N, C-alpha and C. Protein backbone atom coordinates (compact mmCIF):
# COMPACT_ATOMS: atom_id res chain seq x y z
N UNK A 1 -19.13 -14.35 11.21
CA UNK A 1 -19.83 -14.85 12.62
C UNK A 1 -18.99 -16.12 13.81
N UNK A 2 -18.07 -16.20 13.54
CA UNK A 2 -17.79 -17.10 14.70
C UNK A 2 -16.12 -16.62 14.66
N UNK A 3 -15.68 -16.16 14.47
CA UNK A 3 -14.44 -15.61 13.61
C UNK A 3 -13.96 -14.61 15.54
N UNK A 4 -12.80 -15.72 15.70
CA UNK A 4 -12.29 -14.76 17.06
C UNK A 4 -12.04 -13.70 17.23
N UNK A 5 -11.74 -12.57 17.65
CA UNK A 5 -11.01 -10.86 17.48
C UNK A 5 -9.31 -11.64 16.78
N UNK A 6 -9.19 -12.52 17.62
CA UNK A 6 -7.24 -12.41 16.49
C UNK A 6 -7.82 -13.01 15.35
N UNK A 7 -8.80 -13.78 14.72
CA UNK A 7 -8.62 -13.62 13.55
C UNK A 7 -9.16 -13.01 12.54
N UNK A 8 -10.25 -12.12 13.38
CA UNK A 8 -11.18 -10.63 12.36
C UNK A 8 -9.95 -9.68 12.62
N UNK A 9 -8.72 -9.45 13.68
CA UNK A 9 -7.86 -8.68 13.15
C UNK A 9 -6.86 -9.61 12.16
N UNK A 10 -6.23 -10.40 12.15
CA UNK A 10 -5.70 -11.55 10.77
C UNK A 10 -6.11 -11.00 9.72
N UNK A 11 -7.38 -11.66 10.01
CA UNK A 11 -7.97 -11.49 8.47
C UNK A 11 -9.11 -10.06 7.55
N UNK A 12 -9.20 -9.33 8.59
CA UNK A 12 -9.99 -8.09 8.41
C UNK A 12 -9.09 -6.79 8.26
N UNK A 13 -8.23 -6.77 7.12
CA UNK A 13 -7.23 -5.40 7.33
C UNK A 13 -8.16 -3.90 6.93
N UNK A 14 -7.77 -3.21 8.20
CA UNK A 14 -7.92 -1.81 7.56
C UNK A 14 -6.80 -1.25 7.25
N UNK A 15 -7.17 0.16 6.75
CA UNK A 15 -6.07 0.81 6.52
C UNK A 15 -6.00 1.85 7.12
N UNK A 16 -4.74 2.89 7.02
CA UNK A 16 -4.26 3.86 8.27
C UNK A 16 -5.60 4.58 8.67
N UNK A 17 -5.86 5.03 7.24
CA UNK A 17 -7.11 5.54 7.51
C UNK A 17 -7.84 5.48 8.33
N UNK A 18 -8.67 3.66 8.27
CA UNK A 18 -9.87 3.41 8.24
C UNK A 18 -9.81 3.60 9.96
N UNK A 19 -8.36 3.36 10.21
CA UNK A 19 -7.89 2.48 12.15
C UNK A 19 -8.25 4.34 12.03
N UNK A 20 -7.80 5.40 12.09
CA UNK A 20 -8.29 6.52 12.53
C UNK A 20 -9.81 6.96 12.55
N UNK A 21 -10.37 6.32 11.61
CA UNK A 21 -11.16 7.04 11.69
C UNK A 21 -12.17 5.40 12.86
N UNK A 22 -12.09 4.58 12.65
CA UNK A 22 -12.28 3.42 13.85
C UNK A 22 -12.04 4.46 15.25
N UNK A 23 -11.09 4.59 15.38
CA UNK A 23 -10.73 5.01 16.75
C UNK A 23 -10.91 6.53 16.78
N UNK A 24 -11.48 7.24 16.07
CA UNK A 24 -12.73 8.36 16.55
C UNK A 24 -14.05 7.98 16.27
N UNK A 25 -14.15 6.89 15.88
CA UNK A 25 -15.97 6.56 15.90
C UNK A 25 -15.72 5.99 17.94
N UNK A 26 -15.35 5.50 18.40
CA UNK A 26 -15.24 4.23 19.42
C UNK A 26 -14.84 5.68 20.17
N UNK A 27 -14.11 6.90 19.83
CA UNK A 27 -14.07 7.86 21.02
C UNK A 27 -15.35 9.36 21.05
N UNK A 28 -16.25 8.69 19.83
CA UNK A 28 -17.92 9.54 20.28
C UNK A 28 -18.37 9.00 20.99
N UNK A 29 -17.83 7.70 20.95
CA UNK A 29 -19.72 6.24 21.18
C UNK A 29 -18.34 5.38 22.77
N UNK A 30 -19.28 6.32 24.13
CA UNK A 30 -18.04 5.87 24.69
C UNK A 30 -18.12 4.38 25.44
N UNK A 31 -19.66 3.95 24.74
CA UNK A 31 -20.27 2.66 25.32
C UNK A 31 -19.76 1.74 23.92
N UNK A 32 -19.20 1.82 23.59
CA UNK A 32 -18.37 0.97 22.33
C UNK A 32 -17.64 -0.79 23.34
N UNK A 33 -18.31 -1.38 23.22
CA UNK A 33 -17.19 -2.89 23.31
C UNK A 33 -16.36 -3.25 22.12
N UNK A 34 -15.50 -3.62 22.91
CA UNK A 34 -14.58 -4.24 22.11
C UNK A 34 -15.51 -5.24 21.30
N UNK A 35 -16.20 -6.42 21.58
CA UNK A 35 -16.98 -7.03 20.74
C UNK A 35 -17.82 -6.10 19.71
N UNK A 36 -18.19 -4.73 20.20
CA UNK A 36 -18.86 -3.99 19.28
C UNK A 36 -17.75 -3.62 17.95
N UNK A 37 -16.84 -3.33 18.17
CA UNK A 37 -15.51 -3.27 17.32
C UNK A 37 -15.37 -3.77 16.54
N UNK A 38 -15.44 -5.08 16.86
CA UNK A 38 -15.20 -6.16 16.28
C UNK A 38 -16.57 -6.89 15.34
N UNK A 39 -17.61 -6.54 15.53
CA UNK A 39 -18.84 -6.21 15.18
C UNK A 39 -19.10 -5.35 13.81
N UNK A 40 -17.95 -4.07 14.23
CA UNK A 40 -17.72 -3.10 13.20
C UNK A 40 -17.30 -3.48 11.80
N UNK A 41 -16.12 -3.62 12.57
CA UNK A 41 -15.11 -4.55 11.23
C UNK A 41 -15.10 -6.13 10.36
N UNK A 42 -16.55 -6.48 11.20
CA UNK A 42 -16.96 -7.99 10.48
C UNK A 42 -18.03 -7.14 9.25
N UNK A 43 -18.80 -6.69 10.00
CA UNK A 43 -19.63 -6.00 8.93
C UNK A 43 -18.90 -4.99 8.04
N UNK A 44 -17.81 -4.09 7.89
CA UNK A 44 -16.99 -3.46 6.95
C UNK A 44 -16.58 -4.61 5.72
N UNK A 45 -16.02 -6.03 6.46
CA UNK A 45 -15.37 -6.73 5.65
C UNK A 45 -16.54 -7.70 4.75
N UNK A 46 -17.66 -7.58 5.91
CA UNK A 46 -19.13 -8.24 4.10
C UNK A 46 -19.00 -7.16 2.98
N UNK A 47 -18.71 -5.80 3.51
CA UNK A 47 -19.02 -4.70 2.54
C UNK A 47 -17.21 -4.84 1.46
N UNK A 48 -16.73 -5.00 1.69
CA UNK A 48 -15.21 -4.91 1.01
C UNK A 48 -15.64 -6.56 0.50
N UNK A 49 -16.36 -7.49 0.83
CA UNK A 49 -16.21 -8.85 0.06
C UNK A 49 -17.30 -8.46 -1.05
N UNK A 50 -18.46 -7.94 -1.14
CA UNK A 50 -19.17 -7.86 -1.52
C UNK A 50 -18.73 -6.67 -2.93
N UNK A 51 -17.84 -6.30 -2.35
CA UNK A 51 -17.18 -5.21 -3.73
C UNK A 51 -16.35 -5.77 -4.01
N UNK A 52 -15.81 -6.64 -4.10
CA UNK A 52 -14.61 -7.16 -4.52
C UNK A 52 -13.19 -6.67 -4.43
N UNK A 53 -13.09 -6.39 -2.70
CA UNK A 53 -11.93 -5.22 -2.63
C UNK A 53 -11.42 -6.30 -1.13
N UNK A 54 -10.17 -5.84 -1.05
CA UNK A 54 -8.95 -6.45 0.42
C UNK A 54 -9.47 -5.78 1.60
N UNK A 55 -8.98 -4.39 0.86
CA UNK A 55 -8.70 -3.26 2.76
C UNK A 55 -9.96 -2.71 2.34
N UNK A 56 -9.96 -2.90 4.12
CA UNK A 56 -11.42 -2.09 4.44
C UNK A 56 -10.56 -0.38 4.43
N UNK A 57 -11.75 0.45 4.14
CA UNK A 57 -11.07 1.58 3.95
C UNK A 57 -11.92 2.72 5.09
N UNK A 58 -12.19 3.68 5.50
CA UNK A 58 -12.32 5.03 5.62
C UNK A 58 -14.53 4.61 5.18
N UNK A 59 -14.74 4.66 4.26
CA UNK A 59 -16.16 4.75 3.95
C UNK A 59 -16.33 3.25 4.29
N UNK A 60 -15.91 2.00 4.38
CA UNK A 60 -16.76 1.25 4.87
C UNK A 60 -16.75 0.77 6.59
N UNK A 61 -15.71 1.44 7.21
CA UNK A 61 -15.89 1.67 8.38
C UNK A 61 -17.24 2.20 9.36
N UNK A 62 -17.06 3.59 8.36
CA UNK A 62 -18.44 4.38 8.59
C UNK A 62 -19.84 3.96 8.45
N UNK A 63 -19.98 3.34 7.00
CA UNK A 63 -21.55 2.36 6.93
C UNK A 63 -21.17 1.14 7.84
N UNK A 64 -20.32 0.49 8.06
CA UNK A 64 -20.61 -0.70 9.27
C UNK A 64 -20.91 -0.02 10.47
N UNK A 65 -20.22 1.17 10.98
CA UNK A 65 -20.63 1.81 12.78
C UNK A 65 -22.19 2.60 12.12
N UNK A 66 -22.58 2.82 10.75
CA UNK A 66 -24.04 3.52 10.66
C UNK A 66 -25.36 1.90 10.85
N UNK A 67 -24.76 1.39 10.71
CA UNK A 67 -25.14 0.08 11.02
C UNK A 67 -25.62 -0.45 12.51
N UNK A 68 -24.40 -0.22 12.74
CA UNK A 68 -24.27 -1.00 14.42
C UNK A 68 -25.29 0.35 15.07
N UNK A 69 -25.35 2.16 15.03
CA UNK A 69 -26.25 2.42 15.59
C UNK A 69 -26.93 2.90 15.71
N UNK A 70 -27.82 1.88 13.99
CA UNK A 70 -29.49 1.71 13.98
C UNK A 70 -29.59 0.44 14.85
N UNK A 71 -28.18 -0.36 15.52
CA UNK A 71 -28.83 -1.37 16.36
C UNK A 71 -29.59 -0.79 17.68
N UNK A 72 -29.04 -0.18 19.05
CA UNK A 72 -29.33 0.38 20.03
C UNK A 72 -29.85 2.03 19.75
N UNK A 73 -30.33 2.35 18.71
CA UNK A 73 -31.08 3.75 18.70
C UNK A 73 -31.63 3.25 17.59
N UNK A 74 -33.10 2.91 17.72
CA UNK A 74 -34.07 3.01 15.76
C UNK A 74 -34.93 4.45 15.90
N UNK A 75 -34.20 4.89 17.01
CA UNK A 75 -34.94 6.31 16.34
C UNK A 75 -34.08 7.34 15.51
N UNK A 76 -32.32 6.60 14.82
CA UNK A 76 -31.89 7.12 13.78
C UNK A 76 -32.37 7.30 13.56
N UNK A 77 -32.18 7.99 11.92
CA UNK A 77 -32.74 8.49 10.89
C UNK A 77 -31.41 7.47 9.48
N UNK A 78 -32.18 6.25 9.63
CA UNK A 78 -30.45 6.11 8.55
C UNK A 78 -30.39 6.50 7.52
N UNK A 79 -31.05 7.92 6.88
CA UNK A 79 -30.81 7.89 5.49
C UNK A 79 -30.07 9.49 5.60
N UNK A 80 -29.39 9.92 6.52
CA UNK A 80 -28.69 11.09 7.20
C UNK A 80 -27.29 9.97 6.92
N UNK A 81 -26.90 8.83 6.90
CA UNK A 81 -25.91 8.42 5.83
C UNK A 81 -25.12 7.90 5.56
N UNK A 82 -24.15 8.99 4.85
CA UNK A 82 -24.12 9.34 3.21
C UNK A 82 -22.66 8.20 3.07
N UNK A 83 -22.88 7.28 3.68
CA UNK A 83 -20.89 5.94 3.59
C UNK A 83 -21.08 5.37 2.83
N UNK A 84 -22.37 5.02 2.32
CA UNK A 84 -22.48 3.92 0.90
C UNK A 84 -21.25 4.58 -0.02
N UNK A 85 -20.79 3.25 -0.65
CA UNK A 85 -19.49 3.44 -1.36
C UNK A 85 -20.61 3.77 -2.40
N UNK A 86 -19.67 4.49 -3.32
CA UNK A 86 -20.34 5.15 -4.83
C UNK A 86 -19.90 3.89 -6.07
N UNK A 87 -21.31 3.66 -6.90
CA UNK A 87 -22.01 2.52 -7.26
C UNK A 87 -20.46 2.50 -8.27
N UNK A 88 -19.71 3.10 -8.90
CA UNK A 88 -18.01 3.17 -9.51
C UNK A 88 -17.57 2.33 -8.50
N UNK A 89 -17.36 2.02 -7.49
CA UNK A 89 -16.64 1.13 -6.94
C UNK A 89 -17.24 -0.31 -6.55
N UNK A 90 -18.72 -0.77 -6.66
CA UNK A 90 -19.11 -1.80 -6.71
C UNK A 90 -18.99 -2.04 -8.04
N UNK A 91 -18.05 -3.77 -8.32
CA UNK A 91 -18.24 -4.59 -8.89
C UNK A 91 -19.64 -4.77 -9.78
N UNK A 92 -20.02 -4.68 -11.82
CA UNK A 92 -21.13 -5.24 -12.05
C UNK A 92 -21.13 -6.90 -11.39
N UNK A 93 -22.67 -7.38 -11.64
CA UNK A 93 -23.00 -8.72 -11.42
C UNK A 93 -23.40 -8.90 -12.77
N UNK A 94 -22.55 -9.84 -13.47
CA UNK A 94 -22.37 -10.97 -14.72
C UNK A 94 -23.32 -11.92 -14.39
N UNK A 95 -25.06 -11.91 -15.28
CA UNK A 95 -25.40 -12.85 -14.78
C UNK A 95 -25.18 -14.14 -16.54
N UNK A 96 -25.52 -15.43 -16.05
CA UNK A 96 -25.27 -16.23 -17.24
C UNK A 96 -26.41 -16.30 -18.22
N UNK A 97 -26.14 -16.66 -19.21
CA UNK A 97 -27.47 -16.34 -20.16
C UNK A 97 -28.14 -17.27 -19.79
N UNK A 98 -29.73 -16.84 -20.45
CA UNK A 98 -30.15 -18.23 -20.59
C UNK A 98 -29.90 -19.42 -21.70
N UNK A 99 -30.50 -20.42 -20.98
CA UNK A 99 -29.77 -21.27 -21.81
C UNK A 99 -31.16 -22.22 -22.43
N UNK A 100 -31.73 -22.55 -23.99
CA UNK A 100 -32.45 -22.66 -24.46
C UNK A 100 -33.68 -24.35 -24.51
């Protein structure tokens, strides 16, 4: 949350397809500020961290942008966004065995 824009861009690596998707989203939403774009990238970074991946792809950007839309337009139905990564891409959680 406290990353500067330069640190965000250095540590949040987007695929070329994700860059294109982000550019498309920015074109469609004229009101997106640089801060809003950085927030989308940071949310996408959180998604890939949870999935155990290193690169932000198109699905991650779309998912993060869908959350951003909900920030400024609560009338949007979040169920219409289908950018959630398939479960096969999310690593299973391994719980420690209970101790006696």
